[in-house]
Amino acid sequence: MSTRPAIIIPAALKPLTAQKRWVVWKWVSFPTKPYETKNGDTAWQPNTEFAEGAKQAREQFREQA
């Protein structure tokens, strides 16, 4: 039995679960803008959010991936 937590799929990707098999998803990125963090590193901020709660869903997906 796996000790990893279940992956919660964001609502935008839910329709894909009906397909028999997922092979590879091409990661699509959207425009971002760079900014400097407090420790001097470059980080990237998305310019576009498509739905209410999208930021939280994206962060949750990143943590689980």
PDB file of N, CA and C in Angstrom:
ATOM      1  N   MET A   1       0.838  -1.184   0.000  1.00  0.00           N
ATOM      2  CA  MET A   1       0.000   0.000   0.000  1.00  0.00           C
ATOM      3  C   MET A   1       0.877   1.239   0.000  1.00  0.00           C
ATOM      4  N   SER A   2       0.512   2.215  -0.774  1.00  0.00           N
ATOM      5  CA  SER A   2       1.268   3.451  -0.890  1.00  0.00           C
ATOM      6  C   SER A   2       1.050   4.334   0.328  1.00  0.00           C
ATOM      7  N   THR A   3       2.105   5.042   0.730  1.00  0.00           N
ATOM      8  CA  THR A   3       1.986   5.978   1.844  1.00  0.00           C
ATOM      9  C   THR A   3       1.754   7.399   1.358  1.00  0.00           C
ATOM     10  N   ARG A   4       1.768   7.589   0.051  1.00  0.00           N
ATOM     11  CA  ARG A   4       1.530   8.925  -0.510  1.00  0.00           C
ATOM     12  C   ARG A   4       0.050   9.263  -0.414  1.00  0.00           C
ATOM     13  N   PRO A   5      -0.274  10.536  -0.154  1.00  0.00           N
ATOM     14  CA  PRO A   5      -1.687  10.923  -0.112  1.00  0.00           C
ATOM     15  C   PRO A   5      -2.293  10.878  -1.517  1.00  0.00           C
ATOM     16  N   ALA A   6      -3.591  10.711  -1.562  1.00  0.00           N
ATOM     17  CA  ALA A   6      -4.290  10.699  -2.847  1.00  0.00           C
ATOM     18  C   ALA A   6      -4.138  12.051  -3.523  1.00  0.00           C
ATOM     19  N   ILE A   7      -4.024  12.040  -4.833  1.00  0.00           N
ATOM     20  CA  ILE A   7      -3.932  13.283  -5.587  1.00  0.00           C
ATOM     21  C   ILE A   7      -5.338  13.802  -5.833  1.00  0.00           C
ATOM     22  N   ILE A   8      -5.555  15.041  -5.462  1.00  0.00           N
ATOM     23  CA  ILE A   8      -6.845  15.679  -5.708  1.00  0.00           C
ATOM     24  C   ILE A   8      -6.727  16.406  -7.040  1.00  0.00           C
ATOM     25  N   ILE A   9      -7.556  16.022  -7.976  1.00  0.00           N
ATOM     26  CA  ILE A   9      -7.480  16.578  -9.323  1.00  0.00           C
ATOM     27  C   ILE A   9      -8.300  17.864  -9.397  1.00  0.00           C
ATOM     28  N   PRO A  10      -7.697  18.961  -9.867  1.00  0.00           N
ATOM     29  CA  PRO A  10      -8.439  20.211 -10.012  1.00  0.00           C
ATOM     30  C   PRO A  10      -9.648  20.034 -10.932  1.00  0.00           C
ATOM     31  N   ALA A  11     -10.686  20.782 -10.664  1.00  0.00           N
ATOM     32  CA  ALA A  11     -11.936  20.672 -11.418  1.00  0.00           C
ATOM     33  C   ALA A  11     -11.726  20.819 -12.923  1.00  0.00           C
ATOM     34  N   ALA A  12     -10.792  21.653 -13.330  1.00  0.00           N
ATOM     35  CA  ALA A  12     -10.553  21.865 -14.758  1.00  0.00           C
ATOM     36  C   ALA A  12     -10.045  20.601 -15.444  1.00  0.00           C
ATOM     37  N   LEU A  13      -9.391  19.713 -14.698  1.00  0.00           N
ATOM     38  CA  LEU A  13      -8.842  18.489 -15.281  1.00  0.00           C
ATOM     39  C   LEU A  13      -9.768  17.291 -15.093  1.00  0.00           C
ATOM     40  N   LYS A  14     -10.796  17.438 -14.287  1.00  0.00           N
ATOM     41  CA  LYS A  14     -11.702  16.338 -13.966  1.00  0.00           C
ATOM     42  C   LYS A  14     -12.289  15.642 -15.199  1.00  0.00           C
ATOM     43  N   PRO A  15     -12.700  16.366 -16.268  1.00  0.00           N
ATOM     44  CA  PRO A  15     -13.251  15.677 -17.443  1.00  0.00           C
ATOM     45  C   PRO A  15     -12.276  14.679 -18.078  1.00  0.00           C
ATOM     46  N   LEU A  16     -10.999  14.882 -17.904  1.00  0.00           N
ATOM     47  CA  LEU A  16     -10.018  13.972 -18.492  1.00  0.00           C
ATOM     48  C   LEU A  16     -10.010  12.610 -17.805  1.00  0.00           C
ATOM     49  N   THR A  17     -10.524  12.539 -16.586  1.00  0.00           N
ATOM     50  CA  THR A  17     -10.517  11.264 -15.865  1.00  0.00           C
ATOM     51  C   THR A  17     -11.475  10.256 -16.473  1.00  0.00           C
ATOM     52  N   ALA A  18     -12.413  10.718 -17.276  1.00  0.00           N
ATOM     53  CA  ALA A  18     -13.364   9.806 -17.923  1.00  0.00           C
ATOM     54  C   ALA A  18     -12.710   9.014 -19.053  1.00  0.00           C
ATOM     55  N   GLN A  19     -11.578   9.468 -19.551  1.00  0.00           N
ATOM     56  CA  GLN A  19     -10.878   8.758 -20.614  1.00  0.00           C
ATOM     57  C   GLN A  19     -10.269   7.476 -20.049  1.00  0.00           C
ATOM     58  N   LYS A  20     -10.182   6.453 -20.877  1.00  0.00           N
ATOM     59  CA  LYS A  20      -9.672   5.159 -20.420  1.00  0.00           C
ATOM     60  C   LYS A  20      -8.240   5.236 -19.919  1.00  0.00           C
ATOM     61  N   ARG A  21      -7.440   6.054 -20.536  1.00  0.00           N
ATOM     62  CA  ARG A  21      -6.027   6.080 -20.203  1.00  0.00           C
ATOM     63  C   ARG A  21      -5.474   7.487 -20.347  1.00  0.00           C
ATOM     64  N   TRP A  22      -4.632   7.867 -19.431  1.00  0.00           N
ATOM     65  CA  TRP A  22      -3.906   9.126 -19.558  1.00  0.00           C
ATOM     66  C   TRP A  22      -2.470   8.735 -19.838  1.00  0.00           C
ATOM     67  N   VAL A  23      -1.929   9.191 -20.920  1.00  0.00           N
ATOM     68  CA  VAL A  23      -0.557   8.829 -21.250  1.00  0.00           C
ATOM     69  C   VAL A  23       0.379   9.964 -20.845  1.00  0.00           C
ATOM     70  N   VAL A  24       0.290  11.049 -21.532  1.00  0.00           N
ATOM     71  CA  VAL A  24       1.135  12.201 -21.223  1.00  0.00           C
ATOM     72  C   VAL A  24       0.316  13.458 -21.422  1.00  0.00           C
ATOM     73  N   TRP A  25       0.444  14.356 -20.488  1.00  0.00           N
ATOM     74  CA  TRP A  25      -0.181  15.661 -20.665  1.00  0.00           C
ATOM     75  C   TRP A  25       0.918  16.647 -20.995  1.00  0.00           C
ATOM     76  N   LYS A  26       0.705  17.420 -22.004  1.00  0.00           N
ATOM     77  CA  LYS A  26       1.646  18.481 -22.315  1.00  0.00           C
ATOM     78  C   LYS A  26       1.351  19.633 -21.364  1.00  0.00           C
ATOM     79  N   TRP A  27       2.354  20.055 -20.627  1.00  0.00           N
ATOM     80  CA  TRP A  27       2.157  21.141 -19.680  1.00  0.00           C
ATOM     81  C   TRP A  27       2.029  22.445 -20.459  1.00  0.00           C
ATOM     82  N   VAL A  28       0.942  23.125 -20.243  1.00  0.00           N
ATOM     83  CA  VAL A  28       0.697  24.392 -20.915  1.00  0.00           C
ATOM     84  C   VAL A  28       0.967  25.496 -19.919  1.00  0.00           C
ATOM     85  N   SER A  29       1.788  26.422 -20.289  1.00  0.00           N
ATOM     86  CA  SER A  29       2.044  27.524 -19.373  1.00  0.00           C
ATOM     87  C   SER A  29       1.421  28.805 -19.924  1.00  0.00           C
ATOM     88  N   PHE A  30       1.109  29.676 -19.027  1.00  0.00           N
ATOM     89  CA  PHE A  30       0.495  30.943 -19.376  1.00  0.00           C
ATOM     90  C   PHE A  30       1.460  32.066 -19.028  1.00  0.00           C
ATOM     91  N   PRO A  31       1.205  33.246 -19.534  1.00  0.00           N
ATOM     92  CA  PRO A  31       2.129  34.355 -19.293  1.00  0.00           C
ATOM     93  C   PRO A  31       2.392  34.592 -17.806  1.00  0.00           C
ATOM     94  N   THR A  32       3.632  34.859 -17.499  1.00  0.00           N
ATOM     95  CA  THR A  32       4.036  35.166 -16.134  1.00  0.00           C
ATOM     96  C   THR A  32       4.951  36.378 -16.144  1.00  0.00           C
ATOM     97  N   LYS A  33       5.159  36.928 -14.984  1.00  0.00           N
ATOM     98  CA  LYS A  33       6.108  38.034 -14.886  1.00  0.00           C
ATOM     99  C   LYS A  33       7.103  37.722 -13.778  1.00  0.00           C
ATOM    100  N   PRO A  34       8.370  38.027 -13.994  1.00  0.00           N
ATOM    101  CA  PRO A  34       9.377  37.739 -12.974  1.00  0.00           C
ATOM    102  C   PRO A  34       9.354  38.790 -11.867  1.00  0.00           C
ATOM    103  N   TYR A  35       9.747  38.366 -10.684  1.00  0.00           N
ATOM    104  CA  TYR A  35       9.956  39.301  -9.584  1.00  0.00           C
ATOM    105  C   TYR A  35      11.057  38.750  -8.698  1.00  0.00           C
ATOM    106  N   GLU A  36      11.612  39.587  -7.880  1.00  0.00           N
ATOM    107  CA  GLU A  36      12.709  39.175  -7.015  1.00  0.00           C
ATOM    108  C   GLU A  36      12.173  38.902  -5.615  1.00  0.00           C
ATOM    109  N   THR A  37      12.513  37.731  -5.069  1.00  0.00           N
ATOM    110  CA  THR A  37      12.072  37.381  -3.721  1.00  0.00           C
ATOM    111  C   THR A  37      12.918  38.109  -2.688  1.00  0.00           C
ATOM    112  N   LYS A  38      12.540  37.986  -1.425  1.00  0.00           N
ATOM    113  CA  LYS A  38      13.272  38.653  -0.341  1.00  0.00           C
ATOM    114  C   LYS A  38      14.725  38.221  -0.262  1.00  0.00           C
ATOM    115  N   ASN A  39      15.006  36.967  -0.651  1.00  0.00           N
ATOM    116  CA  ASN A  39      16.397  36.493  -0.588  1.00  0.00           C
ATOM    117  C   ASN A  39      17.147  36.688  -1.909  1.00  0.00           C
ATOM    118  N   GLY A  40      16.561  37.436  -2.850  1.00  0.00           N
ATOM    119  CA  GLY A  40      17.255  37.769  -4.088  1.00  0.00           C
ATOM    120  C   GLY A  40      17.055  36.810  -5.240  1.00  0.00           C
ATOM    121  N   ASP A  41      16.285  35.737  -5.032  1.00  0.00           N
ATOM    122  CA  ASP A  41      16.020  34.793  -6.113  1.00  0.00           C
ATOM    123  C   ASP A  41      14.950  35.356  -7.053  1.00  0.00           C
ATOM    124  N   THR A  42      14.964  34.864  -8.289  1.00  0.00           N
ATOM    125  CA  THR A  42      13.924  35.243  -9.240  1.00  0.00           C
ATOM    126  C   THR A  42      12.788  34.226  -9.134  1.00  0.00           C
ATOM    127  N   ALA A  43      11.577  34.728  -9.000  1.00  0.00           N
ATOM    128  CA  ALA A  43      10.386  33.882  -8.961  1.00  0.00           C
ATOM    129  C   ALA A  43       9.438  34.401 -10.038  1.00  0.00           C
ATOM    130  N   TRP A  44       8.381  33.632 -10.306  1.00  0.00           N
ATOM    131  CA  TRP A  44       7.474  33.985 -11.398  1.00  0.00           C
ATOM    132  C   TRP A  44       6.038  34.055 -10.891  1.00  0.00           C
ATOM    133  N   GLN A  45       5.350  35.122 -11.237  1.00  0.00           N
ATOM    134  CA  GLN A  45       3.968  35.344 -10.842  1.00  0.00           C
ATOM    135  C   GLN A  45       3.066  35.211 -12.061  1.00  0.00           C
ATOM    136  N   PRO A  46       2.035  34.344 -12.003  1.00  0.00           N
ATOM    137  CA  PRO A  46       1.108  34.236 -13.144  1.00  0.00           C
ATOM    138  C   PRO A  46       0.366  35.545 -13.389  1.00  0.00           C
ATOM    139  N   ASN A  47       0.168  35.870 -14.648  1.00  0.00           N
ATOM    140  CA  ASN A  47      -0.584  37.074 -15.017  1.00  0.00           C
ATOM    141  C   ASN A  47      -2.065  36.789 -15.154  1.00  0.00           C
ATOM    142  N   THR A  48      -2.432  35.519 -15.276  1.00  0.00           N
ATOM    143  CA  THR A  48      -3.799  35.166 -15.610  1.00  0.00           C
ATOM    144  C   THR A  48      -4.335  34.129 -14.636  1.00  0.00           C
ATOM    145  N   GLU A  49      -5.528  34.339 -14.141  1.00  0.00           N
ATOM    146  CA  GLU A  49      -6.269  33.335 -13.379  1.00  0.00           C
ATOM    147  C   GLU A  49      -7.599  33.169 -14.101  1.00  0.00           C
ATOM    148  N   PHE A  50      -8.030  31.933 -14.310  1.00  0.00           N
ATOM    149  CA  PHE A  50      -9.217  31.681 -15.112  1.00  0.00           C
ATOM    150  C   PHE A  50     -10.493  31.488 -14.316  1.00  0.00           C
ATOM    151  N   ALA A  51     -10.367  31.106 -13.072  1.00  0.00           N
ATOM    152  CA  ALA A  51     -11.570  30.849 -12.291  1.00  0.00           C
ATOM    153  C   ALA A  51     -11.311  31.207 -10.839  1.00  0.00           C
ATOM    154  N   GLU A  52     -12.369  31.477 -10.136  1.00  0.00           N
ATOM    155  CA  GLU A  52     -12.254  31.734  -8.714  1.00  0.00           C
ATOM    156  C   GLU A  52     -11.689  30.489  -8.043  1.00  0.00           C
ATOM    157  N   GLY A  53     -10.700  30.641  -7.220  1.00  0.00           N
ATOM    158  CA  GLY A  53     -10.087  29.499  -6.560  1.00  0.00           C
ATOM    159  C   GLY A  53      -9.006  28.813  -7.383  1.00  0.00           C
ATOM    160  N   ALA A  54      -8.705  29.320  -8.580  1.00  0.00           N
ATOM    161  CA  ALA A  54      -7.711  28.676  -9.446  1.00  0.00           C
ATOM    162  C   ALA A  54      -6.321  28.682  -8.818  1.00  0.00           C
ATOM    163  N   LYS A  55      -5.980  29.761  -8.134  1.00  0.00           N
ATOM    164  CA  LYS A  55      -4.657  29.844  -7.523  1.00  0.00           C
ATOM    165  C   LYS A  55      -4.493  28.754  -6.460  1.00  0.00           C
ATOM    166  N   GLN A  56      -5.499  28.576  -5.629  1.00  0.00           N
ATOM    167  CA  GLN A  56      -5.424  27.558  -4.591  1.00  0.00           C
ATOM    168  C   GLN A  56      -5.356  26.157  -5.212  1.00  0.00           C
ATOM    169  N   ALA A  57      -6.127  25.920  -6.254  1.00  0.00           N
ATOM    170  CA  ALA A  57      -6.106  24.620  -6.923  1.00  0.00           C
ATOM    171  C   ALA A  57      -4.733  24.354  -7.534  1.00  0.00           C
ATOM    172  N   ARG A  58      -4.127  25.376  -8.137  1.00  0.00           N
ATOM    173  CA  ARG A  58      -2.806  25.214  -8.744  1.00  0.00           C
ATOM    174  C   ARG A  58      -1.767  24.902  -7.677  1.00  0.00           C
ATOM    175  N   GLU A  59      -1.803  25.613  -6.562  1.00  0.00           N
ATOM    176  CA  GLU A  59      -0.837  25.382  -5.491  1.00  0.00           C
ATOM    177  C   GLU A  59      -1.008  23.979  -4.901  1.00  0.00           C
ATOM    178  N   GLN A  60      -2.241  23.553  -4.726  1.00  0.00           N
ATOM    179  CA  GLN A  60      -2.515  22.224  -4.201  1.00  0.00           C
ATOM    180  C   GLN A  60      -1.992  21.153  -5.169  1.00  0.00           C
ATOM    181  N   PHE A  61      -2.199  21.358  -6.446  1.00  0.00           N
ATOM    182  CA  PHE A  61      -1.720  20.422  -7.457  1.00  0.00           C
ATOM    183  C   PHE A  61      -0.196  20.338  -7.423  1.00  0.00           C
ATOM    184  N   ARG A  62       0.468  21.496  -7.336  1.00  0.00           N
ATOM    185  CA  ARG A  62       1.933  21.507  -7.297  1.00  0.00           C
ATOM    186  C   ARG A  62       2.466  20.747  -6.091  1.00  0.00           C
ATOM    187  N   GLU A  63       1.822  20.925  -4.933  1.00  0.00           N
ATOM    188  CA  GLU A  63       2.276  20.242  -3.725  1.00  0.00           C
ATOM    189  C   GLU A  63       2.155  18.736  -3.854  1.00  0.00           C
ATOM    190  N   GLN A  64       1.113  18.278  -4.539  1.00  0.00           N
ATOM    191  CA  GLN A  64       0.872  16.853  -4.646  1.00  0.00           C
ATOM    192  C   GLN A  64       1.617  16.192  -5.798  1.00  0.00           C
ATOM    193  N   ALA A  65       2.036  16.976  -6.767  1.00  0.00           N
ATOM    194  CA  ALA A  65       2.696  16.398  -7.951  1.00  0.00           C
ATOM    195  C   ALA A  65       4.105  15.948  -7.641  1.00  0.00           C
TER     196      ALA A  65
END
